[in-house]
């Protein structure tokens, strides 16, 4: 979490995943959000770079992130940070949702789905 003036302005969740059968542990960004009112000020870059360094220190050979096709701004961010696109991702829904593919709360100050 990244706070400024007692307000949460960014958060990231990065589990580190050991591989048992193959070489190369990895990190996966499962949540990463920056308040939409303060984006493009370098906060996301600093947070991502910090976790890249941490993943390298933990001997991870890659960082993965799954990002929905509609999130074009996020795609540009990840490309600027050195990520490359991996074209296959499969999903099996175990419950129905009127909001799929977005399972986020309708009012989330960090993410704009517009």
Protein backbone atom coordinates (compact mmCIF):
# COMPACT_ATOMS: atom_id res chain seq x y z
CA UNK A 1 0.00 0.00 0.00
CA UNK A 2 1.11 3.53 -0.74
CA UNK A 3 -0.28 6.30 1.42
CA UNK A 4 -0.06 10.04 1.10
CA UNK A 5 -1.45 12.47 3.67
CA UNK A 6 -3.19 9.59 5.50
CA UNK A 7 -5.01 8.51 2.33
CA UNK A 8 -4.53 5.25 0.47
CA UNK A 9 -3.58 6.21 -3.09
CA UNK A 10 -2.17 2.94 -4.47
CA UNK A 11 -2.00 -0.74 -3.67
CA UNK A 12 -0.39 -3.84 -5.10
CA UNK A 13 -0.55 -7.53 -4.26
CA UNK A 14 2.30 -9.68 -5.56
CA UNK A 15 2.42 -13.31 -4.44
CA UNK A 16 5.70 -15.12 -5.05
CA UNK A 17 5.06 -18.55 -6.54
CA UNK A 18 7.61 -21.34 -6.21
CA UNK A 19 7.80 -23.88 -9.00
CA UNK A 20 8.07 -27.49 -7.92
CA UNK A 21 8.46 -29.34 -11.22
CA UNK A 22 10.34 -26.77 -13.30
CA UNK A 23 13.08 -24.22 -12.73
CA UNK A 24 12.15 -20.60 -12.29
CA UNK A 25 9.97 -19.25 -9.49
CA UNK A 26 7.83 -16.27 -10.46
CA UNK A 27 5.86 -13.37 -9.06
CA UNK A 28 2.33 -12.55 -10.18
CA UNK A 29 0.71 -9.15 -9.84
CA UNK A 30 -2.77 -10.06 -8.66
CA UNK A 31 -3.96 -6.54 -7.78
CA UNK A 32 -2.43 -3.24 -8.77
CA UNK A 33 -4.33 0.01 -8.58
CA UNK A 34 -3.48 3.69 -8.38
CA UNK A 35 -6.13 6.27 -7.59
CA UNK A 36 -7.31 7.59 -10.97
CA UNK A 37 -6.92 11.19 -9.77
CA UNK A 38 -3.15 10.88 -9.35
CA UNK A 39 -2.13 8.58 -12.20
CA UNK A 40 0.75 9.50 -14.55
CA UNK A 41 2.82 10.97 -11.71
CA UNK A 42 5.27 8.06 -11.43
CA UNK A 43 3.78 6.34 -8.38
CA UNK A 44 2.82 3.16 -10.28
CA UNK A 45 6.25 3.04 -11.90
CA UNK A 46 8.01 3.31 -8.53
CA UNK A 47 5.83 0.59 -7.00
CA UNK A 48 6.31 -1.77 -9.95
CA UNK A 49 10.09 -1.17 -9.96
CA UNK A 50 10.27 -1.89 -6.23
CA UNK A 51 8.50 -5.23 -6.68
CA UNK A 52 10.63 -6.08 -9.72
CA UNK A 53 13.70 -5.62 -7.54
CA UNK A 54 12.15 -7.69 -4.77
CA UNK A 55 11.26 -10.49 -7.22
CA UNK A 56 14.83 -10.55 -8.52
CA UNK A 57 16.17 -10.78 -4.96
CA UNK A 58 13.86 -13.75 -4.40
CA UNK A 59 15.31 -15.41 -7.53
CA UNK A 60 12.13 -15.14 -9.60
CA UNK A 61 12.74 -15.37 -13.32
CA UNK A 62 9.62 -13.45 -14.33
CA UNK A 63 6.64 -11.39 -13.21
CA UNK A 64 3.24 -12.18 -14.64
CA UNK A 65 0.12 -10.06 -14.75
CA UNK A 66 -3.27 -10.77 -16.31
CA UNK A 67 -4.91 -7.65 -17.65
CA UNK A 68 -8.30 -7.53 -19.37
CA UNK A 69 -8.29 -6.46 -23.02
CA UNK A 70 -10.39 -3.36 -22.32
CA UNK A 71 -7.74 -1.88 -19.98
CA UNK A 72 -5.71 -0.13 -22.67
CA UNK A 73 -4.10 2.40 -20.31
CA UNK A 74 -2.86 -0.45 -18.11
CA UNK A 75 -1.48 -2.21 -21.21
CA UNK A 76 0.56 0.88 -22.09
CA UNK A 77 1.85 1.07 -18.53
CA UNK A 78 3.00 -2.55 -18.49
CA UNK A 79 4.64 -2.24 -21.91
CA UNK A 80 6.54 0.85 -20.72
CA UNK A 81 7.68 -1.14 -17.70
CA UNK A 82 9.20 -3.85 -19.91
CA UNK A 83 6.42 -6.44 -19.93
CA UNK A 84 5.63 -8.29 -23.15
CA UNK A 85 2.27 -9.66 -24.20
CA UNK A 86 1.63 -13.37 -23.84
CA UNK A 87 -1.38 -14.18 -26.01
CA UNK A 88 -3.11 -17.10 -24.26
CA UNK A 89 -5.10 -16.99 -21.08
CA UNK A 90 -7.91 -19.35 -20.19
CA UNK A 91 -10.62 -18.86 -17.60
CA UNK A 92 -13.30 -21.15 -16.21
CA UNK A 93 -16.08 -19.27 -14.43
CA UNK A 94 -17.44 -21.12 -11.42
CA UNK A 95 -20.31 -18.72 -10.75
CA UNK A 96 -22.47 -16.39 -12.81
CA UNK A 97 -22.05 -12.64 -12.55
CA UNK A 98 -23.95 -9.88 -14.33
CA UNK A 99 -20.74 -7.84 -14.32
CA UNK A 100 -18.40 -10.43 -15.83
CA UNK A 101 -15.66 -9.93 -16.86
CA UNK A 102 -15.44 -7.27 -14.16
CA UNK A 103 -15.94 -8.65 -10.67
CA UNK A 104 -15.01 -5.33 -9.06
CA UNK A 105 -17.31 -3.32 -6.84
CA UNK A 106 -19.28 -0.73 -8.78
CA UNK A 107 -17.70 2.19 -6.89
CA UNK A 108 -13.96 1.70 -6.67
CA UNK A 109 -11.89 4.91 -6.31
CA UNK A 110 -8.82 3.23 -7.82
CA UNK A 111 -10.22 1.81 -11.05
CA UNK A 112 -12.18 3.47 -13.79
CA UNK A 113 -13.91 0.98 -16.08
CA UNK A 114 -14.96 3.67 -18.53
